[in-house]
PDB file of N, CA and C in Angstrom:
ATOM      1  N   UNK A   1     -14.247 -10.529 -24.223  1.00  0.00           N
ATOM      2  CA  UNK A   1     -13.122 -11.092 -23.514  1.00  0.00           C
ATOM      3  C   UNK A   1     -12.556 -10.095 -22.487  1.00  0.00           C
ATOM      4  N   UNK A   2     -12.341  -8.850 -22.904  1.00  0.00           N
ATOM      5  CA  UNK A   2     -11.822  -7.829 -21.996  1.00  0.00           C
ATOM      6  C   UNK A   2     -12.818  -7.556 -20.880  1.00  0.00           C
ATOM      7  N   UNK A   3     -14.097  -7.552 -21.215  1.00  0.00           N
ATOM      8  CA  UNK A   3     -15.132  -7.297 -20.215  1.00  0.00           C
ATOM      9  C   UNK A   3     -15.119  -8.376 -19.128  1.00  0.00           C
ATOM     10  N   UNK A   4     -14.930  -9.618 -19.530  1.00  0.00           N
ATOM     11  CA  UNK A   4     -14.852 -10.727 -18.576  1.00  0.00           C
ATOM     12  C   UNK A   4     -13.613 -10.568 -17.700  1.00  0.00           C
ATOM     13  N   UNK A   5     -12.498 -10.233 -18.328  1.00  0.00           N
ATOM     14  CA  UNK A   5     -11.249 -10.032 -17.586  1.00  0.00           C
ATOM     15  C   UNK A   5     -11.413  -8.925 -16.547  1.00  0.00           C
ATOM     16  N   UNK A   6     -11.967  -7.805 -16.948  1.00  0.00           N
ATOM     17  CA  UNK A   6     -12.151  -6.677 -16.028  1.00  0.00           C
ATOM     18  C   UNK A   6     -13.099  -7.031 -14.892  1.00  0.00           C
ATOM     19  N   UNK A   7     -14.101  -7.834 -15.180  1.00  0.00           N
ATOM     20  CA  UNK A   7     -15.025  -8.286 -14.146  1.00  0.00           C
ATOM     21  C   UNK A   7     -14.298  -9.150 -13.120  1.00  0.00           C
ATOM     22  N   UNK A   8     -13.432 -10.020 -13.591  1.00  0.00           N
ATOM     23  CA  UNK A   8     -12.646 -10.868 -12.694  1.00  0.00           C
ATOM     24  C   UNK A   8     -11.669 -10.046 -11.856  1.00  0.00           C
ATOM     25  N   UNK A   9     -11.063  -9.048 -12.484  1.00  0.00           N
ATOM     26  CA  UNK A   9     -10.135  -8.165 -11.775  1.00  0.00           C
ATOM     27  C   UNK A   9     -10.883  -7.414 -10.675  1.00  0.00           C
ATOM     28  N   UNK A  10     -12.074  -6.929 -10.986  1.00  0.00           N
ATOM     29  CA  UNK A  10     -12.884  -6.198 -10.003  1.00  0.00           C
ATOM     30  C   UNK A  10     -13.240  -7.092  -8.821  1.00  0.00           C
ATOM     31  N   UNK A  11     -13.591  -8.353  -9.087  1.00  0.00           N
ATOM     32  CA  UNK A  11     -13.903  -9.285  -8.008  1.00  0.00           C
ATOM     33  C   UNK A  11     -12.682  -9.541  -7.130  1.00  0.00           C
ATOM     34  N   UNK A  12     -11.532  -9.607  -7.756  1.00  0.00           N
ATOM     35  CA  UNK A  12     -10.300  -9.929  -7.037  1.00  0.00           C
ATOM     36  C   UNK A  12      -9.742  -8.738  -6.269  1.00  0.00           C
ATOM     37  N   UNK A  13      -9.758  -7.552  -6.900  1.00  0.00           N
ATOM     38  CA  UNK A  13      -9.085  -6.382  -6.333  1.00  0.00           C
ATOM     39  C   UNK A  13     -10.015  -5.267  -5.887  1.00  0.00           C
ATOM     40  N   UNK A  14     -11.285  -5.392  -6.143  1.00  0.00           N
ATOM     41  CA  UNK A  14     -12.238  -4.356  -5.758  1.00  0.00           C
ATOM     42  C   UNK A  14     -12.332  -3.249  -6.791  1.00  0.00           C
ATOM     43  N   UNK A  15     -13.062  -2.206  -6.426  1.00  0.00           N
ATOM     44  CA  UNK A  15     -13.238  -1.049  -7.309  1.00  0.00           C
ATOM     45  C   UNK A  15     -11.903  -0.348  -7.530  1.00  0.00           C
ATOM     46  N   UNK A  16     -11.595  -0.025  -8.765  1.00  0.00           N
ATOM     47  CA  UNK A  16     -10.308   0.603  -9.078  1.00  0.00           C
ATOM     48  C   UNK A  16     -10.118   1.922  -8.343  1.00  0.00           C
ATOM     49  N   UNK A  17     -11.158   2.747  -8.301  1.00  0.00           N
ATOM     50  CA  UNK A  17     -11.012   4.053  -7.657  1.00  0.00           C
ATOM     51  C   UNK A  17     -10.758   3.911  -6.155  1.00  0.00           C
ATOM     52  N   UNK A  18     -11.412   2.936  -5.519  1.00  0.00           N
ATOM     53  CA  UNK A  18     -11.161   2.705  -4.091  1.00  0.00           C
ATOM     54  C   UNK A  18      -9.732   2.201  -3.883  1.00  0.00           C
ATOM     55  N   UNK A  19      -9.327   1.274  -4.730  1.00  0.00           N
ATOM     56  CA  UNK A  19      -7.974   0.725  -4.655  1.00  0.00           C
ATOM     57  C   UNK A  19      -6.943   1.832  -4.845  1.00  0.00           C
ATOM     58  N   UNK A  20      -7.156   2.678  -5.827  1.00  0.00           N
ATOM     59  CA  UNK A  20      -6.223   3.776  -6.094  1.00  0.00           C
ATOM     60  C   UNK A  20      -6.156   4.757  -4.934  1.00  0.00           C
ATOM     61  N   UNK A  21      -7.300   5.054  -4.339  1.00  0.00           N
ATOM     62  CA  UNK A  21      -7.332   5.977  -3.203  1.00  0.00           C
ATOM     63  C   UNK A  21      -6.549   5.410  -2.023  1.00  0.00           C
ATOM     64  N   UNK A  22      -6.779   4.140  -1.725  1.00  0.00           N
ATOM     65  CA  UNK A  22      -6.057   3.505  -0.621  1.00  0.00           C
ATOM     66  C   UNK A  22      -4.558   3.514  -0.908  1.00  0.00           C
ATOM     67  N   UNK A  23      -4.168   3.111  -2.115  1.00  0.00           N
ATOM     68  CA  UNK A  23      -2.742   3.047  -2.469  1.00  0.00           C
ATOM     69  C   UNK A  23      -2.085   4.414  -2.369  1.00  0.00           C
ATOM     70  N   UNK A  24      -2.738   5.431  -2.892  1.00  0.00           N
ATOM     71  CA  UNK A  24      -2.155   6.773  -2.844  1.00  0.00           C
ATOM     72  C   UNK A  24      -2.061   7.298  -1.413  1.00  0.00           C
ATOM     73  N   UNK A  25      -3.058   7.009  -0.592  1.00  0.00           N
ATOM     74  CA  UNK A  25      -3.005   7.423   0.815  1.00  0.00           C
ATOM     75  C   UNK A  25      -1.855   6.738   1.543  1.00  0.00           C
ATOM     76  N   UNK A  26      -1.682   5.447   1.300  1.00  0.00           N
ATOM     77  CA  UNK A  26      -0.573   4.726   1.927  1.00  0.00           C
ATOM     78  C   UNK A  26       0.780   5.284   1.474  1.00  0.00           C
ATOM     79  N   UNK A  27       0.907   5.529   0.176  1.00  0.00           N
ATOM     80  CA  UNK A  27       2.164   6.074  -0.357  1.00  0.00           C
ATOM     81  C   UNK A  27       2.432   7.477   0.185  1.00  0.00           C
ATOM     82  N   UNK A  28       1.390   8.294   0.252  1.00  0.00           N
ATOM     83  CA  UNK A  28       1.554   9.644   0.810  1.00  0.00           C
ATOM     84  C   UNK A  28       2.024   9.572   2.259  1.00  0.00           C
ATOM     85  N   UNK A  29       1.478   8.633   2.997  1.00  0.00           N
ATOM     86  CA  UNK A  29       1.884   8.471   4.396  1.00  0.00           C
ATOM     87  C   UNK A  29       3.371   8.124   4.491  1.00  0.00           C
ATOM     88  N   UNK A  30       3.818   7.206   3.674  1.00  0.00           N
ATOM     89  CA  UNK A  30       5.242   6.844   3.693  1.00  0.00           C
ATOM     90  C   UNK A  30       6.123   8.042   3.369  1.00  0.00           C
ATOM     91  N   UNK A  31       5.706   8.822   2.395  1.00  0.00           N
ATOM     92  CA  UNK A  31       6.506   9.975   1.964  1.00  0.00           C
ATOM     93  C   UNK A  31       6.520  11.111   2.986  1.00  0.00           C
ATOM     94  N   UNK A  32       5.646  11.050   3.966  1.00  0.00           N
ATOM     95  CA  UNK A  32       5.567  12.123   4.956  1.00  0.00           C
ATOM     96  C   UNK A  32       6.633  12.010   6.046  1.00  0.00           C
ATOM     97  N   UNK A  33       7.349  10.914   6.071  1.00  0.00           N
ATOM     98  CA  UNK A  33       8.373  10.715   7.098  1.00  0.00           C
ATOM     99  C   UNK A  33       9.744  11.100   6.569  1.00  0.00           C
ATOM    100  N   UNK A  34      10.566  11.652   7.444  1.00  0.00           N
ATOM    101  CA  UNK A  34      11.884  12.148   7.032  1.00  0.00           C
ATOM    102  C   UNK A  34      12.773  11.046   6.467  1.00  0.00           C
ATOM    103  N   UNK A  35      12.593   9.821   6.907  1.00  0.00           N
ATOM    104  CA  UNK A  35      13.415   8.721   6.425  1.00  0.00           C
ATOM    105  C   UNK A  35      13.223   8.399   4.951  1.00  0.00           C
ATOM    106  N   UNK A  36      12.082   8.823   4.385  1.00  0.00           N
ATOM    107  CA  UNK A  36      11.798   8.522   2.974  1.00  0.00           C
ATOM    108  C   UNK A  36      12.897   9.068   2.074  1.00  0.00           C
ATOM    109  N   UNK A  37      13.353  10.261   2.350  1.00  0.00           N
ATOM    110  CA  UNK A  37      14.360  10.899   1.496  1.00  0.00           C
ATOM    111  C   UNK A  37      15.714  10.197   1.565  1.00  0.00           C
ATOM    112  N   UNK A  38      15.917   9.365   2.574  1.00  0.00           N
ATOM    113  CA  UNK A  38      17.179   8.643   2.709  1.00  0.00           C
ATOM    114  C   UNK A  38      17.178   7.293   1.996  1.00  0.00           C
ATOM    115  N   UNK A  39      16.041   6.913   1.457  1.00  0.00           N
ATOM    116  CA  UNK A  39      15.931   5.611   0.800  1.00  0.00           C
ATOM    117  C   UNK A  39      16.448   5.661  -0.631  1.00  0.00           C
ATOM    118  N   UNK A  40      16.999   4.560  -1.082  1.00  0.00           N
ATOM    119  CA  UNK A  40      17.420   4.440  -2.481  1.00  0.00           C
ATOM    120  C   UNK A  40      16.179   4.233  -3.354  1.00  0.00           C
ATOM    121  N   UNK A  41      16.304   4.474  -4.664  1.00  0.00           N
ATOM    122  CA  UNK A  41      15.144   4.280  -5.544  1.00  0.00           C
ATOM    123  C   UNK A  41      14.549   2.871  -5.471  1.00  0.00           C
ATOM    124  N   UNK A  42      15.383   1.849  -5.338  1.00  0.00           N
ATOM    125  CA  UNK A  42      14.828   0.493  -5.275  1.00  0.00           C
ATOM    126  C   UNK A  42      14.098   0.242  -3.961  1.00  0.00           C
ATOM    127  N   UNK A  43      14.545   0.862  -2.877  1.00  0.00           N
ATOM    128  CA  UNK A  43      13.819   0.752  -1.610  1.00  0.00           C
ATOM    129  C   UNK A  43      12.454   1.424  -1.731  1.00  0.00           C
ATOM    130  N   UNK A  44      12.445   2.621  -2.313  1.00  0.00           N
ATOM    131  CA  UNK A  44      11.185   3.345  -2.486  1.00  0.00           C
ATOM    132  C   UNK A  44      10.216   2.559  -3.361  1.00  0.00           C
ATOM    133  N   UNK A  45      10.722   2.002  -4.433  1.00  0.00           N
ATOM    134  CA  UNK A  45       9.857   1.251  -5.347  1.00  0.00           C
ATOM    135  C   UNK A  45       9.302   0.001  -4.680  1.00  0.00           C
ATOM    136  N   UNK A  46      10.132  -0.705  -3.928  1.00  0.00           N
ATOM    137  CA  UNK A  46       9.654  -1.891  -3.224  1.00  0.00           C
ATOM    138  C   UNK A  46       8.530  -1.516  -2.256  1.00  0.00           C
ATOM    139  N   UNK A  47       8.732  -0.438  -1.511  1.00  0.00           N
ATOM    140  CA  UNK A  47       7.690   0.008  -0.584  1.00  0.00           C
ATOM    141  C   UNK A  47       6.425   0.450  -1.325  1.00  0.00           C
ATOM    142  N   UNK A  48       6.582   1.135  -2.461  1.00  0.00           N
ATOM    143  CA  UNK A  48       5.419   1.532  -3.258  1.00  0.00           C
ATOM    144  C   UNK A  48       4.639   0.309  -3.730  1.00  0.00           C
ATOM    145  N   UNK A  49       5.345  -0.684  -4.231  1.00  0.00           N
ATOM    146  CA  UNK A  49       4.671  -1.879  -4.740  1.00  0.00           C
ATOM    147  C   UNK A  49       3.976  -2.643  -3.615  1.00  0.00           C
ATOM    148  N   UNK A  50       4.601  -2.668  -2.450  1.00  0.00           N
ATOM    149  CA  UNK A  50       3.967  -3.313  -1.296  1.00  0.00           C
ATOM    150  C   UNK A  50       2.684  -2.580  -0.926  1.00  0.00           C
ATOM    151  N   UNK A  51       2.692  -1.243  -1.008  1.00  0.00           N
ATOM    152  CA  UNK A  51       1.479  -0.474  -0.701  1.00  0.00           C
ATOM    153  C   UNK A  51       0.365  -0.787  -1.695  1.00  0.00           C
ATOM    154  N   UNK A  52       0.706  -0.984  -2.963  1.00  0.00           N
ATOM    155  CA  UNK A  52      -0.296  -1.353  -3.968  1.00  0.00           C
ATOM    156  C   UNK A  52      -0.923  -2.694  -3.602  1.00  0.00           C
ATOM    157  N   UNK A  53      -0.097  -3.634  -3.201  1.00  0.00           N
ATOM    158  CA  UNK A  53      -0.620  -4.949  -2.823  1.00  0.00           C
ATOM    159  C   UNK A  53      -1.493  -4.853  -1.566  1.00  0.00           C
ATOM    160  N   UNK A  54      -1.079  -4.028  -0.611  1.00  0.00           N
ATOM    161  CA  UNK A  54      -1.895  -3.830   0.582  1.00  0.00           C
ATOM    162  C   UNK A  54      -3.241  -3.212   0.209  1.00  0.00           C
ATOM    163  N   UNK A  55      -3.233  -2.251  -0.706  1.00  0.00           N
ATOM    164  CA  UNK A  55      -4.495  -1.623  -1.112  1.00  0.00           C
ATOM    165  C   UNK A  55      -5.417  -2.637  -1.781  1.00  0.00           C
ATOM    166  N   UNK A  56      -4.844  -3.563  -2.531  1.00  0.00           N
ATOM    167  CA  UNK A  56      -5.660  -4.608  -3.160  1.00  0.00           C
ATOM    168  C   UNK A  56      -6.250  -5.536  -2.109  1.00  0.00           C
ATOM    169  N   UNK A  57      -5.485  -5.818  -1.078  1.00  0.00           N
ATOM    170  CA  UNK A  57      -5.987  -6.660   0.007  1.00  0.00           C
ATOM    171  C   UNK A  57      -7.144  -5.958   0.722  1.00  0.00           C
ATOM    172  N   UNK A  58      -7.004  -4.658   0.953  1.00  0.00           N
ATOM    173  CA  UNK A  58      -8.030  -3.904   1.682  1.00  0.00           C
ATOM    174  C   UNK A  58      -9.290  -3.648   0.861  1.00  0.00           C
ATOM    175  N   UNK A  59      -9.155  -3.513  -0.453  1.00  0.00           N
ATOM    176  CA  UNK A  59     -10.316  -3.170  -1.269  1.00  0.00           C
ATOM    177  C   UNK A  59     -10.916  -4.359  -2.010  1.00  0.00           C
ATOM    178  N   UNK A  60     -10.219  -5.473  -2.021  1.00  0.00           N
ATOM    179  CA  UNK A  60     -10.698  -6.627  -2.775  1.00  0.00           C
ATOM    180  C   UNK A  60     -10.772  -7.886  -1.934  1.00  0.00           C
ATOM    181  N   UNK A  61     -10.416  -8.979  -2.547  1.00  0.00           N
ATOM    182  CA  UNK A  61     -10.450 -10.285  -1.907  1.00  0.00           C
ATOM    183  C   UNK A  61      -9.197 -10.454  -1.053  1.00  0.00           C
ATOM    184  N   UNK A  62      -9.340 -10.316   0.252  1.00  0.00           N
ATOM    185  CA  UNK A  62      -8.176 -10.376   1.130  1.00  0.00           C
ATOM    186  C   UNK A  62      -7.600 -11.778   1.269  1.00  0.00           C
ATOM    187  N   UNK A  63      -8.273 -12.766   0.729  1.00  0.00           N
ATOM    188  CA  UNK A  63      -7.770 -14.142   0.754  1.00  0.00           C
ATOM    189  C   UNK A  63      -7.020 -14.514  -0.520  1.00  0.00           C
ATOM    190  N   UNK A  64      -6.974 -13.601  -1.489  1.00  0.00           N
ATOM    191  CA  UNK A  64      -6.292 -13.905  -2.742  1.00  0.00           C
ATOM    192  C   UNK A  64      -4.793 -14.038  -2.468  1.00  0.00           C
ATOM    193  N   UNK A  65      -4.225 -15.233  -2.638  1.00  0.00           N
ATOM    194  CA  UNK A  65      -2.850 -15.488  -2.192  1.00  0.00           C
ATOM    195  C   UNK A  65      -1.770 -14.722  -2.940  1.00  0.00           C
ATOM    196  N   UNK A  66      -2.013 -14.363  -4.179  1.00  0.00           N
ATOM    197  CA  UNK A  66      -0.964 -13.684  -4.954  1.00  0.00           C
ATOM    198  C   UNK A  66      -0.552 -12.352  -4.326  1.00  0.00           C
ATOM    199  N   UNK A  67      -1.494 -11.623  -3.761  1.00  0.00           N
ATOM    200  CA  UNK A  67      -1.135 -10.349  -3.128  1.00  0.00           C
ATOM    201  C   UNK A  67      -0.151 -10.561  -1.993  1.00  0.00           C
ATOM    202  N   UNK A  68      -0.433 -11.545  -1.148  1.00  0.00           N
ATOM    203  CA  UNK A  68       0.441 -11.843  -0.018  1.00  0.00           C
ATOM    204  C   UNK A  68       1.792 -12.358  -0.507  1.00  0.00           C
ATOM    205  N   UNK A  69       1.743 -13.171  -1.517  1.00  0.00           N
ATOM    206  CA  UNK A  69       2.979 -13.708  -2.104  1.00  0.00           C
ATOM    207  C   UNK A  69       3.821 -12.594  -2.712  1.00  0.00           C
ATOM    208  N   UNK A  70       3.170 -11.670  -3.405  1.00  0.00           N
ATOM    209  CA  UNK A  70       3.891 -10.553  -4.032  1.00  0.00           C
ATOM    210  C   UNK A  70       4.539  -9.643  -2.999  1.00  0.00           C
ATOM    211  N   UNK A  71       3.853  -9.399  -1.879  1.00  0.00           N
ATOM    212  CA  UNK A  71       4.449  -8.585  -0.812  1.00  0.00           C
ATOM    213  C   UNK A  71       5.741  -9.242  -0.343  1.00  0.00           C
ATOM    214  N   UNK A  72       5.670 -10.517  -0.116  1.00  0.00           N
ATOM    215  CA  UNK A  72       6.861 -11.265   0.286  1.00  0.00           C
ATOM    216  C   UNK A  72       7.951 -11.160  -0.779  1.00  0.00           C
ATOM    217  N   UNK A  73       7.554 -11.268  -2.035  1.00  0.00           N
ATOM    218  CA  UNK A  73       8.515 -11.201  -3.127  1.00  0.00           C
ATOM    219  C   UNK A  73       9.212  -9.851  -3.228  1.00  0.00           C
ATOM    220  N   UNK A  74       8.459  -8.757  -3.093  1.00  0.00           N
ATOM    221  CA  UNK A  74       9.084  -7.425  -3.149  1.00  0.00           C
ATOM    222  C   UNK A  74      10.043  -7.226  -1.984  1.00  0.00           C
ATOM    223  N   UNK A  75       9.649  -7.671  -0.803  1.00  0.00           N
ATOM    224  CA  UNK A  75      10.517  -7.536   0.365  1.00  0.00           C
ATOM    225  C   UNK A  75      11.770  -8.402   0.204  1.00  0.00           C
ATOM    226  N   UNK A  76      11.597  -9.610  -0.302  1.00  0.00           N
ATOM    227  CA  UNK A  76      12.736 -10.512  -0.479  1.00  0.00           C
ATOM    228  C   UNK A  76      13.697  -9.979  -1.542  1.00  0.00           C
ATOM    229  N   UNK A  77      13.148  -9.469  -2.621  1.00  0.00           N
ATOM    230  CA  UNK A  77      13.994  -8.907  -3.678  1.00  0.00           C
ATOM    231  C   UNK A  77      14.819  -7.755  -3.133  1.00  0.00           C
ATOM    232  N   UNK A  78      14.200  -6.894  -2.356  1.00  0.00           N
ATOM    233  CA  UNK A  78      14.921  -5.762  -1.772  1.00  0.00           C
ATOM    234  C   UNK A  78      15.963  -6.246  -0.768  1.00  0.00           C
ATOM    235  N   UNK A  79      15.616  -7.237   0.052  1.00  0.00           N
ATOM    236  CA  UNK A  79      16.561  -7.785   1.027  1.00  0.00           C
ATOM    237  C   UNK A  79      17.763  -8.402   0.330  1.00  0.00           C
ATOM    238  N   UNK A  80      17.518  -9.136  -0.747  1.00  0.00           N
ATOM    239  CA  UNK A  80      18.623  -9.759  -1.472  1.00  0.00           C
ATOM    240  C   UNK A  80      19.524  -8.708  -2.106  1.00  0.00           C
ATOM    241  N   UNK A  81      18.954  -7.612  -2.532  1.00  0.00           N
ATOM    242  CA  UNK A  81      19.747  -6.515  -3.080  1.00  0.00           C
ATOM    243  C   UNK A  81      20.683  -5.967  -2.008  1.00  0.00           C
ATOM    244  N   UNK A  82      20.179  -5.805  -0.798  1.00  0.00           N
ATOM    245  CA  UNK A  82      20.998  -5.334   0.319  1.00  0.00           C
ATOM    246  C   UNK A  82      22.061  -6.361   0.662  1.00  0.00           C
ATOM    247  N   UNK A  83      21.687  -7.627   0.695  1.00  0.00           N
ATOM    248  CA  UNK A  83      22.628  -8.693   1.024  1.00  0.00           C
ATOM    249  C   UNK A  83      23.771  -8.721   0.016  1.00  0.00           C
ATOM    250  N   UNK A  84      23.452  -8.580  -1.264  1.00  0.00           N
ATOM    251  CA  UNK A  84      24.498  -8.567  -2.292  1.00  0.00           C
ATOM    252  C   UNK A  84      25.408  -7.376  -2.145  1.00  0.00           C
ATOM    253  N   UNK A  85      24.873  -6.254  -1.720  1.00  0.00           N
ATOM    254  CA  UNK A  85      25.692  -5.054  -1.526  1.00  0.00           C
ATOM    255  C   UNK A  85      26.684  -5.280  -0.392  1.00  0.00           C
ATOM    256  N   UNK A  86      26.233  -5.927   0.697  1.00  0.00           N
ATOM    257  CA  UNK A  86      27.108  -6.178   1.832  1.00  0.00           C
ATOM    258  C   UNK A  86      28.185  -7.203   1.511  1.00  0.00           C
ATOM    259  N   UNK A  87      27.939  -8.065   0.520  1.00  0.00           N
ATOM    260  CA  UNK A  87      28.930  -9.079   0.145  1.00  0.00           C
ATOM    261  C   UNK A  87      30.102  -8.467  -0.608  1.00  0.00           C
ATOM    262  N   UNK A  88      29.939  -7.259  -1.163  1.00  0.00           N
ATOM    263  CA  UNK A  88      31.005  -6.647  -1.955  1.00  0.00           C
ATOM    264  C   UNK A  88      32.226  -6.321  -1.147  1.00  0.00           C
TER     265      UNK A  88
END
């Protein structure tokens, strides 16, 4: 059962090591800019999660809709957090 699951994950997201390399490179790039230190933890986490989804798109099935949907979801969650802060 686990072997089948892992096979499906590999088809969807590509090789784990390639995915991890892409994700870490993207995250390192974000952290190299001075603005990174000005971000709140939730902003940083949203950007990190978006980079993971981008790495899955680049290393796996780029037509898999959940990755695109999740990127939208992380951005929307972060935007709503900002919107709620401004409402205070």
